[in-house]
Amino acid sequence: MIGFMLRLTIPAAMLLDCGPAGAQDIDPDILRAQAGTYLVAPENGRAGCRLTLETDLAIGGYSLSGQDHCSKPLPALAEAAAWNFDGNGGLILIDPTRKAIARFVENEGSPMKTEDETPLLLLSAPDGVDRLPTFRSLAGTWAMQRPGGEKLCSVTLEGTLDTDGHAPLSLSADCAANVARLKLAVWNINGFGLTLMSHDGSSLSFDMRADGNFDKSREEGGKPLSLVRH
């Protein structure tokens, strides 16, 4: 699954100290790879804001823009004046006094997020989307179909999580044979990615579009496939 997330995380060994890295410590290619526009949004599905990480020097790190748009959804981030790597594979946002106001830690295979009671995630997002999908917001019935509209199956996503952190799903009785034999039974969310899974290892991964529907992840290969809300 593509799972829109930070493009690069930096192993601590690539930095020259244990605290936030100085500008002279960062390989320019790494800096350029990390720069870009990201959505910062609460994990609980409330609205977030977009920040652009830039490559110009600033006090305490590198410049950023877009923080004014955070004043309503995430007021604390409106004070951000710079960003930097933290020396441990994470990333920090810094105020004008060089105080870290948000620290995003590395999570293997998942977007970076803070360790607050209500975590904030830092990740790439479809244009026009200002919040993360949640189990509750995605619960309901979806059509699994080809881009031209050929329907293969109806998929009903439940919004209640089990002890493994997944939620159950059910397939309609008229599913195409190639879908039915996957025996999909549960689903999960990772950033803007959605994965349908069986209990024996089969899975299908999808990435969210700007309209809130999903297309099958490119890593899956095979024919294009979409999930469209009924």
Protein backbone atom coordinates (compact mmCIF):
# COMPACT_ATOMS: atom_id res chain seq x y z
CA MET A 1 0.00 0.00 0.00
CA ILE A 2 1.30 3.44 -0.84
CA GLY A 3 -0.13 4.98 2.33
CA PHE A 4 0.56 8.71 1.86
CA MET A 5 3.32 9.45 4.34
CA LEU A 6 6.64 11.20 4.75
CA ARG A 7 8.84 10.51 1.76
CA LEU A 8 11.99 9.80 3.74
CA THR A 9 13.10 9.09 7.27
CA ILE A 10 16.68 9.73 8.34
CA PRO A 11 18.65 7.15 10.34
CA ALA A 12 20.39 8.70 13.32
CA ALA A 13 23.75 7.51 12.02
CA MET A 14 23.45 9.91 9.09
CA LEU A 15 23.36 12.91 11.45
CA LEU A 16 26.35 14.27 13.30
CA ASP A 17 24.86 14.78 16.76
CA CYS A 18 22.17 13.35 19.00
CA GLY A 19 19.96 16.43 19.05
CA PRO A 20 18.34 18.36 16.22
CA ALA A 21 20.69 18.34 13.27
CA GLY A 22 22.37 21.53 12.15
CA ALA A 23 22.00 22.62 8.54
CA GLN A 24 25.59 21.65 7.80
CA ASP A 25 24.89 18.08 8.89
CA ILE A 26 22.27 17.20 6.28
CA ASP A 27 23.04 15.87 2.83
CA PRO A 28 21.36 18.26 0.34
CA ASP A 29 19.71 15.35 -1.48
CA ILE A 30 18.13 14.14 1.77
CA LEU A 31 16.93 17.65 2.53
CA ARG A 32 15.35 18.06 -0.91
CA ALA A 33 13.72 14.64 -0.68
CA GLN A 34 12.08 15.52 2.64
CA ALA A 35 10.93 18.99 1.58
CA GLY A 36 7.38 19.35 0.30
CA THR A 37 3.83 20.02 1.39
CA TYR A 38 2.27 17.80 4.06
CA LEU A 39 -0.95 17.60 5.98
CA VAL A 40 -0.70 17.74 9.76
CA ALA A 41 -3.90 16.29 11.17
CA PRO A 42 -5.18 14.63 14.36
CA GLU A 43 -5.48 10.85 14.27
CA ASN A 44 -9.09 11.15 15.49
CA GLY A 45 -10.29 12.60 12.17
CA ARG A 46 -10.61 16.27 13.11
CA ALA A 47 -9.48 18.94 10.67
CA GLY A 48 -5.78 19.66 10.23
CA CYS A 49 -3.69 22.06 8.16
CA ARG A 50 -1.03 21.90 5.46
CA LEU A 51 2.58 22.92 5.98
CA THR A 52 5.27 23.24 3.34
CA LEU A 53 8.73 22.17 4.48
CA GLU A 54 11.30 24.25 2.59
CA THR A 55 15.06 23.98 2.11
CA ASP A 56 16.11 27.55 2.99
CA LEU A 57 17.92 28.08 6.28
CA ALA A 58 15.97 29.44 9.24
CA ILE A 59 16.67 29.88 12.95
CA GLY A 60 16.97 26.38 14.37
CA GLY A 61 16.67 24.57 11.06
CA TYR A 62 14.91 25.15 7.76
CA SER A 63 12.10 27.45 6.70
CA LEU A 64 8.46 26.45 6.33
CA SER A 65 5.26 28.10 5.16
CA GLY A 66 1.53 27.62 5.58
CA GLN A 67 1.53 27.84 9.36
CA ASP A 68 -0.99 30.71 9.27
CA HIS A 69 -3.58 28.20 8.03
CA CYS A 70 -3.14 26.28 11.29
CA SER A 71 -4.43 29.08 13.50
CA LYS A 72 -7.97 27.65 13.72
CA PRO A 73 -7.62 23.85 13.46
CA LEU A 74 -4.26 23.52 15.27
CA PRO A 75 -3.41 26.85 16.95
CA ALA A 76 -0.13 25.67 18.50
CA LEU A 77 1.32 24.98 15.06
CA ALA A 78 0.63 28.55 13.94
CA GLU A 79 3.72 29.45 16.01
CA ALA A 80 6.01 27.19 13.96
CA ALA A 81 8.93 29.10 12.47
CA ALA A 82 11.18 26.28 11.25
CA TRP A 83 11.53 22.53 10.94
CA ASN A 84 14.45 20.17 11.41
CA PHE A 85 15.43 16.53 11.74
CA ASP A 86 15.65 15.38 15.36
CA GLY A 87 18.70 13.11 14.98
CA ASN A 88 16.71 9.93 15.65
CA GLY A 89 14.84 9.49 12.40
CA GLY A 90 12.10 11.93 13.38
CA LEU A 91 11.20 15.50 12.57
CA ILE A 92 10.44 18.54 14.73
CA LEU A 93 8.62 21.83 14.28
CA ILE A 94 10.27 24.75 16.09
CA ASP A 95 9.00 28.12 17.30
CA PRO A 96 11.02 31.39 16.99
CA THR A 97 12.81 30.64 20.30
CA ARG A 98 13.98 27.24 18.97
CA LYS A 99 11.57 25.41 21.23
CA ALA A 100 10.15 22.22 19.71
CA ILE A 101 6.37 22.56 19.54
CA ALA A 102 5.75 19.22 17.80
CA ARG A 103 7.93 16.13 17.48
CA PHE A 104 6.98 13.53 14.89
CA VAL A 105 8.55 10.14 15.52
CA GLU A 106 9.30 7.42 13.01
CA ASN A 107 6.84 4.52 12.77
CA GLU A 108 8.03 1.76 10.47
CA GLY A 109 5.57 1.29 7.63
CA SER A 110 3.29 4.06 8.92
CA PRO A 111 3.19 7.87 8.80
CA MET A 112 5.20 9.83 11.35
CA LYS A 113 3.16 11.00 14.32
CA THR A 114 3.48 12.69 17.68
CA GLU A 115 3.24 10.75 20.94
CA ASP A 116 0.52 12.97 22.41
CA GLU A 117 -2.73 11.67 23.90
CA THR A 118 -4.36 12.65 20.61
CA PRO A 119 -1.53 12.12 18.11
CA LEU A 120 -0.92 14.36 15.13
CA LEU A 121 0.17 12.72 11.90
CA LEU A 122 2.45 14.31 9.31
CA LEU A 123 1.85 12.86 5.86
CA SER A 124 1.22 13.59 2.20
CA ALA A 125 -2.47 13.90 1.39
CA PRO A 126 -4.74 14.14 -1.64
CA ASP A 127 -5.46 17.68 -2.79
CA GLY A 128 -8.38 19.29 -0.98
CA VAL A 129 -8.43 16.78 1.90
CA ASP A 130 -7.97 18.32 5.36
CA ARG A 131 -8.49 15.38 7.69
CA LEU A 132 -7.68 11.71 8.09
CA PRO A 133 -10.23 9.00 7.41
CA THR A 134 -11.39 7.06 10.46
CA PHE A 135 -13.15 3.73 10.93
CA ARG A 136 -16.31 5.63 11.73
CA SER A 137 -16.14 7.90 8.68
CA LEU A 138 -15.49 5.00 6.28
CA ALA A 139 -18.08 2.63 7.72
CA GLY A 140 -20.85 1.80 5.27
CA THR A 141 -21.33 0.07 1.93
CA TRP A 142 -18.93 0.50 -0.98
CA ALA A 143 -18.95 -0.75 -4.55
CA MET A 144 -15.81 -2.56 -5.66
CA GLN A 145 -15.65 -1.81 -9.38
CA ARG A 146 -13.52 -1.34 -12.45
CA PRO A 147 -12.80 2.27 -13.54
CA GLY A 148 -15.39 1.97 -16.32
CA GLY A 149 -18.11 1.11 -13.80
CA GLU A 150 -18.18 -2.71 -14.00
CA LYS A 151 -19.23 -3.73 -10.50
CA LEU A 152 -17.47 -6.75 -8.98
CA CYS A 153 -18.85 -6.71 -5.43
CA SER A 154 -20.52 -4.72 -2.68
CA VAL A 155 -18.37 -4.36 0.43
CA THR A 156 -19.84 -3.32 3.77
CA LEU A 157 -17.31 -1.94 6.22
CA GLU A 158 -18.20 -2.06 9.90
CA GLY A 159 -16.92 0.67 12.23
CA THR A 160 -16.29 -1.33 15.41
CA LEU A 161 -12.70 -2.50 16.00
CA ASP A 162 -11.77 -5.96 17.25
CA THR A 163 -9.00 -6.75 19.73
CA ASP A 164 -6.40 -6.74 16.93
CA GLY A 165 -7.30 -3.20 15.87
CA HIS A 166 -9.18 -4.31 12.73
CA ALA A 167 -12.86 -3.90 11.88
CA PRO A 168 -15.04 -6.57 10.26
CA LEU A 169 -16.36 -6.38 6.70
CA SER A 170 -18.83 -8.39 4.67
CA LEU A 171 -19.11 -9.09 0.95
CA SER A 172 -22.34 -9.31 -1.03
CA ALA A 173 -23.49 -12.72 -2.23
CA ASP A 174 -23.07 -11.72 -5.88
CA CYS A 175 -19.32 -10.96 -5.72
CA ALA A 176 -17.23 -11.91 -8.75
CA ALA A 177 -15.39 -15.20 -8.22
CA ASN A 178 -11.93 -13.58 -8.20
CA VAL A 179 -13.02 -11.37 -5.28
CA ALA A 180 -15.00 -13.99 -3.38
CA ARG A 181 -12.09 -16.43 -3.28
CA LEU A 182 -10.00 -13.89 -1.35
CA LYS A 183 -12.34 -14.44 1.63
CA LEU A 184 -11.92 -10.84 2.78
CA ALA A 185 -13.15 -10.48 6.36
CA VAL A 186 -11.56 -7.44 8.08
CA TRP A 187 -10.18 -4.04 7.16
CA ASN A 188 -7.76 -1.45 8.49
CA ILE A 189 -6.58 2.13 7.86
CA ASN A 190 -3.02 3.41 7.54
CA GLY A 191 -2.96 7.16 6.92
CA PHE A 192 -4.86 7.59 3.65
CA GLY A 193 -4.57 3.91 2.81
CA LEU A 194 -7.24 1.27 3.35
CA THR A 195 -6.53 -2.49 3.38
CA LEU A 196 -9.08 -5.29 3.10
CA MET A 197 -7.80 -8.57 4.56
CA SER A 198 -8.72 -12.22 5.02
CA HIS A 199 -7.84 -14.30 8.07
CA ASP A 200 -5.38 -16.37 6.04
CA GLY A 201 -3.19 -13.64 4.55
CA SER A 202 -5.00 -12.45 1.41
CA SER A 203 -5.38 -8.68 1.12
CA LEU A 204 -6.21 -5.78 -1.18
CA SER A 205 -4.79 -2.31 -0.51
CA PHE A 206 -6.28 0.97 -1.71
CA ASP A 207 -5.24 4.65 -1.63
CA MET A 208 -7.66 7.51 -1.05
CA ARG A 209 -8.54 9.94 -3.83
CA ALA A 210 -9.40 13.62 -3.44
CA ASP A 211 -13.12 12.76 -3.76
CA GLY A 212 -12.97 10.38 -0.79
CA ASN A 213 -13.17 7.18 -2.83
CA PHE A 214 -10.25 4.75 -3.21
CA ASP A 215 -8.17 3.27 -6.01
CA LYS A 216 -6.20 0.03 -5.71
CA SER A 217 -2.58 0.70 -4.74
CA ARG A 218 -0.10 0.51 -7.58
CA GLU A 219 1.99 -1.98 -5.62
CA GLU A 220 -0.85 -4.48 -5.91
CA GLY A 221 -0.39 -4.80 -9.68
CA GLY A 222 -3.06 -6.29 -11.92
CA LYS A 223 -6.10 -4.52 -13.34
CA PRO A 224 -7.24 -1.15 -11.91
CA LEU A 225 -9.89 -1.40 -9.21
CA SER A 226 -11.78 1.16 -7.15
CA LEU A 227 -13.88 1.36 -4.00
CA VAL A 228 -16.72 3.84 -4.48
CA ARG A 229 -19.12 4.72 -1.71
CA HIS A 230 -22.76 3.82 -2.35
